[in-house]
Amino acid sequence: MYTVYTRNVMVRVVLDTNVLVNAEQGSGSFAKRILDLVRTHQLVAVTTHPVRRENELLTERLVRDEQHKGDVREYLALAIDATPVQVAIELEDAEDIKLLAAAVGGQAQFLITDDDHLLTVGEYQGVRIMRPREFWQWWQASQDDSGKNWATWLSGTLGK
């Protein structure tokens, strides 16, 4: 199994709830691919109590597929609990601040979201904010020349 390291530290990510919900679209979606990278220990997920609570409540309410709910539960079980930090930024949707607080507090390199309010920030205190597609492209470019992770995903063995 390959693990990508940035500055000798395993890549840490915070996934917005919309990414977890959108991952229900199936294995071809970028959101599902990223969820599976966490589930196969290739990325470290970071969360905080407020983010975890939102993830649990909205996933239970919005996701219909029981297998996918199980995948999200597994993701949450693997996620490292971080202490949120105060962030000095104003966002149009104040609820999104908890995601930045989790990412900064958990020393995540990426906050992955489909939320335009967060995406307009771009980067905050070293946390890059991007869509699942953009992260997936970064992830693929970060792999070595063997293409092991890509080949594994294509063969359908990722997450099994």
C-alpha atoms as a PDB file:
ATOM      1  CA  MET A   1       0.000   0.000   0.000  1.00  0.00           C
ATOM      2  CA  TYR A   2       1.331   3.437  -0.906  1.00  0.00           C
ATOM      3  CA  THR A   3       1.098   6.434   1.340  1.00  0.00           C
ATOM      4  CA  VAL A   4       1.801   9.925   0.085  1.00  0.00           C
ATOM      5  CA  TYR A   5       3.737  12.115   2.448  1.00  0.00           C
ATOM      6  CA  THR A   6       4.063  15.873   2.354  1.00  0.00           C
ATOM      7  CA  ARG A   7       7.111  17.152   4.230  1.00  0.00           C
ATOM      8  CA  ASN A   8       7.480  13.674   5.785  1.00  0.00           C
ATOM      9  CA  VAL A   9       3.978  13.870   7.255  1.00  0.00           C
ATOM     10  CA  MET A  10       1.063  11.790   6.034  1.00  0.00           C
ATOM     11  CA  VAL A  11      -1.455  13.945   4.156  1.00  0.00           C
ATOM     12  CA  ARG A  12      -4.284  15.106   6.400  1.00  0.00           C
ATOM     13  CA  VAL A  13      -7.663  16.158   5.063  1.00  0.00           C
ATOM     14  CA  VAL A  14     -10.936  17.525   6.355  1.00  0.00           C
ATOM     15  CA  LEU A  15     -13.934  16.458   4.294  1.00  0.00           C
ATOM     16  CA  ASP A  16     -16.947  18.727   4.298  1.00  0.00           C
ATOM     17  CA  THR A  17     -20.255  16.957   4.877  1.00  0.00           C
ATOM     18  CA  ASN A  18     -21.285  17.708   1.292  1.00  0.00           C
ATOM     19  CA  VAL A  19     -18.362  15.576   0.107  1.00  0.00           C
ATOM     20  CA  LEU A  20     -19.417  12.667   2.319  1.00  0.00           C
ATOM     21  CA  VAL A  21     -23.007  12.910   1.076  1.00  0.00           C
ATOM     22  CA  ASN A  22     -21.960  13.289  -2.581  1.00  0.00           C
ATOM     23  CA  ALA A  23     -19.794  10.183  -2.288  1.00  0.00           C
ATOM     24  CA  GLU A  24     -23.059   8.229  -2.401  1.00  0.00           C
ATOM     25  CA  GLN A  25     -23.014   8.841  -6.171  1.00  0.00           C
ATOM     26  CA  GLY A  26     -20.735   5.840  -6.506  1.00  0.00           C
ATOM     27  CA  SER A  27     -17.192   4.654  -7.042  1.00  0.00           C
ATOM     28  CA  GLY A  28     -16.665   6.852 -10.090  1.00  0.00           C
ATOM     29  CA  SER A  29     -17.242  10.063  -8.167  1.00  0.00           C
ATOM     30  CA  PHE A  30     -14.235  11.986  -6.926  1.00  0.00           C
ATOM     31  CA  ALA A  31     -15.844  12.265  -3.492  1.00  0.00           C
ATOM     32  CA  LYS A  32     -16.131   8.456  -3.214  1.00  0.00           C
ATOM     33  CA  ARG A  33     -12.548   7.978  -4.377  1.00  0.00           C
ATOM     34  CA  ILE A  34     -11.322  10.334  -1.656  1.00  0.00           C
ATOM     35  CA  LEU A  35     -13.500   8.684   0.981  1.00  0.00           C
ATOM     36  CA  ASP A  36     -11.975   5.352  -0.038  1.00  0.00           C
ATOM     37  CA  LEU A  37      -8.447   6.759   0.291  1.00  0.00           C
ATOM     38  CA  VAL A  38      -9.198   7.478   3.941  1.00  0.00           C
ATOM     39  CA  ARG A  39     -10.837   4.085   4.420  1.00  0.00           C
ATOM     40  CA  THR A  40      -7.734   2.358   3.004  1.00  0.00           C
ATOM     41  CA  HIS A  41      -5.385   4.381   5.228  1.00  0.00           C
ATOM     42  CA  GLN A  42      -3.808   6.346   2.386  1.00  0.00           C
ATOM     43  CA  LEU A  43      -4.990   9.675   3.799  1.00  0.00           C
ATOM     44  CA  VAL A  44      -5.610  10.771   7.372  1.00  0.00           C
ATOM     45  CA  ALA A  45      -8.998  12.327   8.040  1.00  0.00           C
ATOM     46  CA  VAL A  46      -9.211  15.049  10.670  1.00  0.00           C
ATOM     47  CA  THR A  47     -12.370  16.083  12.463  1.00  0.00           C
ATOM     48  CA  THR A  48     -13.591  17.895  15.552  1.00  0.00           C
ATOM     49  CA  HIS A  49     -16.653  17.322  17.682  1.00  0.00           C
ATOM     50  CA  PRO A  50     -18.763  19.977  15.869  1.00  0.00           C
ATOM     51  CA  VAL A  51     -17.731  18.694  12.425  1.00  0.00           C
ATOM     52  CA  ARG A  52     -18.289  15.057  13.418  1.00  0.00           C
ATOM     53  CA  ARG A  53     -21.741  15.892  14.763  1.00  0.00           C
ATOM     54  CA  GLU A  54     -22.700  17.605  11.493  1.00  0.00           C
ATOM     55  CA  ASN A  55     -21.296  14.688   9.471  1.00  0.00           C
ATOM     56  CA  GLU A  56     -23.286  12.158  11.474  1.00  0.00           C
ATOM     57  CA  LEU A  57     -26.577  14.068  11.526  1.00  0.00           C
ATOM     58  CA  LEU A  58     -26.644  15.075   7.873  1.00  0.00           C
ATOM     59  CA  THR A  59     -25.355  11.758   6.571  1.00  0.00           C
ATOM     60  CA  GLU A  60     -28.067   9.934   8.503  1.00  0.00           C
ATOM     61  CA  ARG A  61     -30.687  12.329   7.166  1.00  0.00           C
ATOM     62  CA  LEU A  62     -29.547  12.661   3.532  1.00  0.00           C
ATOM     63  CA  VAL A  63     -27.924   9.341   2.600  1.00  0.00           C
ATOM     64  CA  ARG A  64     -30.287   6.530   1.658  1.00  0.00           C
ATOM     65  CA  ASP A  65     -27.822   3.754   0.787  1.00  0.00           C
ATOM     66  CA  GLU A  66     -27.008   1.663   3.895  1.00  0.00           C
ATOM     67  CA  GLN A  67     -23.650   0.516   2.493  1.00  0.00           C
ATOM     68  CA  HIS A  68     -22.618   4.135   1.998  1.00  0.00           C
ATOM     69  CA  LYS A  69     -23.757   5.028   5.519  1.00  0.00           C
ATOM     70  CA  GLY A  70     -21.461   2.243   6.704  1.00  0.00           C
ATOM     71  CA  ASP A  71     -18.585   3.688   4.660  1.00  0.00           C
ATOM     72  CA  VAL A  72     -19.127   7.083   6.299  1.00  0.00           C
ATOM     73  CA  ARG A  73     -19.244   5.477   9.755  1.00  0.00           C
ATOM     74  CA  GLU A  74     -15.939   3.755   8.965  1.00  0.00           C
ATOM     75  CA  TYR A  75     -14.493   7.100   7.813  1.00  0.00           C
ATOM     76  CA  LEU A  76     -15.588   8.733  11.070  1.00  0.00           C
ATOM     77  CA  ALA A  77     -14.135   5.877  13.132  1.00  0.00           C
ATOM     78  CA  LEU A  78     -10.779   6.384  11.410  1.00  0.00           C
ATOM     79  CA  ALA A  79     -10.799  10.185  11.669  1.00  0.00           C
ATOM     80  CA  ILE A  80      -8.416  11.779  14.133  1.00  0.00           C
ATOM     81  CA  ASP A  81     -10.090  14.097  16.627  1.00  0.00           C
ATOM     82  CA  ALA A  82      -8.464  17.509  16.696  1.00  0.00           C
ATOM     83  CA  THR A  83      -8.989  20.513  18.904  1.00  0.00           C
ATOM     84  CA  PRO A  84     -10.543  23.309  16.864  1.00  0.00           C
ATOM     85  CA  VAL A  85      -8.732  26.636  16.895  1.00  0.00           C
ATOM     86  CA  GLN A  86     -10.052  30.162  16.657  1.00  0.00           C
ATOM     87  CA  VAL A  87      -9.940  31.411  13.093  1.00  0.00           C
ATOM     88  CA  ALA A  88      -9.967  35.091  12.254  1.00  0.00           C
ATOM     89  CA  ILE A  89     -12.000  35.096   9.072  1.00  0.00           C
ATOM     90  CA  GLU A  90     -15.498  36.114   8.124  1.00  0.00           C
ATOM     91  CA  LEU A  91     -17.441  33.844   5.814  1.00  0.00           C
ATOM     92  CA  GLU A  92     -20.818  34.387   4.226  1.00  0.00           C
ATOM     93  CA  ASP A  93     -21.953  31.163   5.909  1.00  0.00           C
ATOM     94  CA  ALA A  94     -20.676  31.311   9.503  1.00  0.00           C
ATOM     95  CA  GLU A  95     -21.333  27.549   9.880  1.00  0.00           C
ATOM     96  CA  ASP A  96     -18.348  26.915   7.590  1.00  0.00           C
ATOM     97  CA  ILE A  97     -15.910  28.376  10.117  1.00  0.00           C
ATOM     98  CA  LYS A  98     -15.976  25.107  12.063  1.00  0.00           C
ATOM     99  CA  LEU A  99     -14.428  23.345   9.060  1.00  0.00           C
ATOM    100  CA  LEU A 100     -11.541  25.812   8.902  1.00  0.00           C
ATOM    101  CA  ALA A 101     -11.123  25.564  12.680  1.00  0.00           C
ATOM    102  CA  ALA A 102     -10.876  21.781  12.351  1.00  0.00           C
ATOM    103  CA  ALA A 103      -8.442  21.906   9.436  1.00  0.00           C
ATOM    104  CA  VAL A 104      -6.103  24.404  11.101  1.00  0.00           C
ATOM    105  CA  GLY A 105      -6.379  22.762  14.531  1.00  0.00           C
ATOM    106  CA  GLY A 106      -5.766  19.321  13.052  1.00  0.00           C
ATOM    107  CA  GLN A 107      -2.856  20.499  10.900  1.00  0.00           C
ATOM    108  CA  ALA A 108      -4.630  19.345   7.736  1.00  0.00           C
ATOM    109  CA  GLN A 109      -3.084  20.222   4.402  1.00  0.00           C
ATOM    110  CA  PHE A 110      -6.469  20.161   2.621  1.00  0.00           C
ATOM    111  CA  LEU A 111     -10.085  21.041   3.244  1.00  0.00           C
ATOM    112  CA  ILE A 112     -12.132  19.327   0.555  1.00  0.00           C
ATOM    113  CA  THR A 113     -15.537  20.828  -0.147  1.00  0.00           C
ATOM    114  CA  ASP A 114     -18.083  21.748  -2.788  1.00  0.00           C
ATOM    115  CA  ASP A 115     -19.118  24.829  -0.808  1.00  0.00           C
ATOM    116  CA  ASP A 116     -18.506  28.017  -2.795  1.00  0.00           C
ATOM    117  CA  HIS A 117     -18.255  30.111   0.395  1.00  0.00           C
ATOM    118  CA  LEU A 118     -15.189  28.139   1.426  1.00  0.00           C
ATOM    119  CA  LEU A 119     -13.764  27.694  -2.065  1.00  0.00           C
ATOM    120  CA  THR A 120     -13.497  31.458  -2.544  1.00  0.00           C
ATOM    121  CA  VAL A 121     -11.032  31.543   0.377  1.00  0.00           C
ATOM    122  CA  GLY A 122      -8.642  29.267  -1.544  1.00  0.00           C
ATOM    123  CA  GLU A 123      -6.122  28.843   1.248  1.00  0.00           C
ATOM    124  CA  TYR A 124      -6.112  29.694   4.922  1.00  0.00           C
ATOM    125  CA  GLN A 125      -3.163  29.339   7.310  1.00  0.00           C
ATOM    126  CA  GLY A 126      -1.558  26.683   5.123  1.00  0.00           C
ATOM    127  CA  VAL A 127      -4.773  24.739   4.451  1.00  0.00           C
ATOM    128  CA  ARG A 128      -5.602  24.472   0.754  1.00  0.00           C
ATOM    129  CA  ILE A 129      -9.338  24.519   0.094  1.00  0.00           C
ATOM    130  CA  MET A 130     -10.445  22.702  -3.028  1.00  0.00           C
ATOM    131  CA  ARG A 131     -13.127  20.669  -4.733  1.00  0.00           C
ATOM    132  CA  PRO A 132     -12.925  16.861  -4.756  1.00  0.00           C
ATOM    133  CA  ARG A 133     -11.969  16.866  -8.454  1.00  0.00           C
ATOM    134  CA  GLU A 134      -9.079  19.263  -7.835  1.00  0.00           C
ATOM    135  CA  PHE A 135      -7.851  17.208  -4.877  1.00  0.00           C
ATOM    136  CA  TRP A 136      -8.046  14.009  -6.920  1.00  0.00           C
ATOM    137  CA  GLN A 137      -5.951  15.628  -9.646  1.00  0.00           C
ATOM    138  CA  TRP A 138      -3.398  16.728  -7.036  1.00  0.00           C
ATOM    139  CA  TRP A 139      -3.426  13.232  -5.543  1.00  0.00           C
ATOM    140  CA  GLN A 140      -2.786  11.582  -8.921  1.00  0.00           C
ATOM    141  CA  ALA A 141       0.049  13.985  -9.693  1.00  0.00           C
ATOM    142  CA  SER A 142       1.573  13.142  -6.296  1.00  0.00           C
ATOM    143  CA  GLN A 143       1.813   9.422  -7.024  1.00  0.00           C
ATOM    144  CA  ASP A 144       5.032   7.885  -8.203  1.00  0.00           C
ATOM    145  CA  ASP A 145       5.514   6.776 -11.804  1.00  0.00           C
ATOM    146  CA  SER A 146       4.167   3.286 -11.100  1.00  0.00           C
ATOM    147  CA  GLY A 147       0.632   4.678 -10.865  1.00  0.00           C
ATOM    148  CA  LYS A 148      -0.094   2.117  -8.159  1.00  0.00           C
ATOM    149  CA  ASN A 149      -3.072   3.911  -6.585  1.00  0.00           C
ATOM    150  CA  TRP A 150      -4.664   4.696  -9.942  1.00  0.00           C
ATOM    151  CA  ALA A 151      -4.214   1.115 -11.137  1.00  0.00           C
ATOM    152  CA  THR A 152      -5.619  -0.207  -7.878  1.00  0.00           C
ATOM    153  CA  TRP A 153      -8.710   1.990  -8.161  1.00  0.00           C
ATOM    154  CA  LEU A 154      -9.250   0.946 -11.777  1.00  0.00           C
ATOM    155  CA  SER A 155      -9.066  -2.712 -10.873  1.00  0.00           C
ATOM    156  CA  GLY A 156     -11.875  -2.167  -8.377  1.00  0.00           C
ATOM    157  CA  THR A 157      -9.847  -3.299  -5.392  1.00  0.00           C
ATOM    158  CA  LEU A 158      -9.626   0.033  -3.614  1.00  0.00           C
ATOM    159  CA  GLY A 159     -11.658  -0.121  -0.440  1.00  0.00           C
ATOM    160  CA  LYS A 160     -12.011  -3.891  -0.419  1.00  0.00           C
END
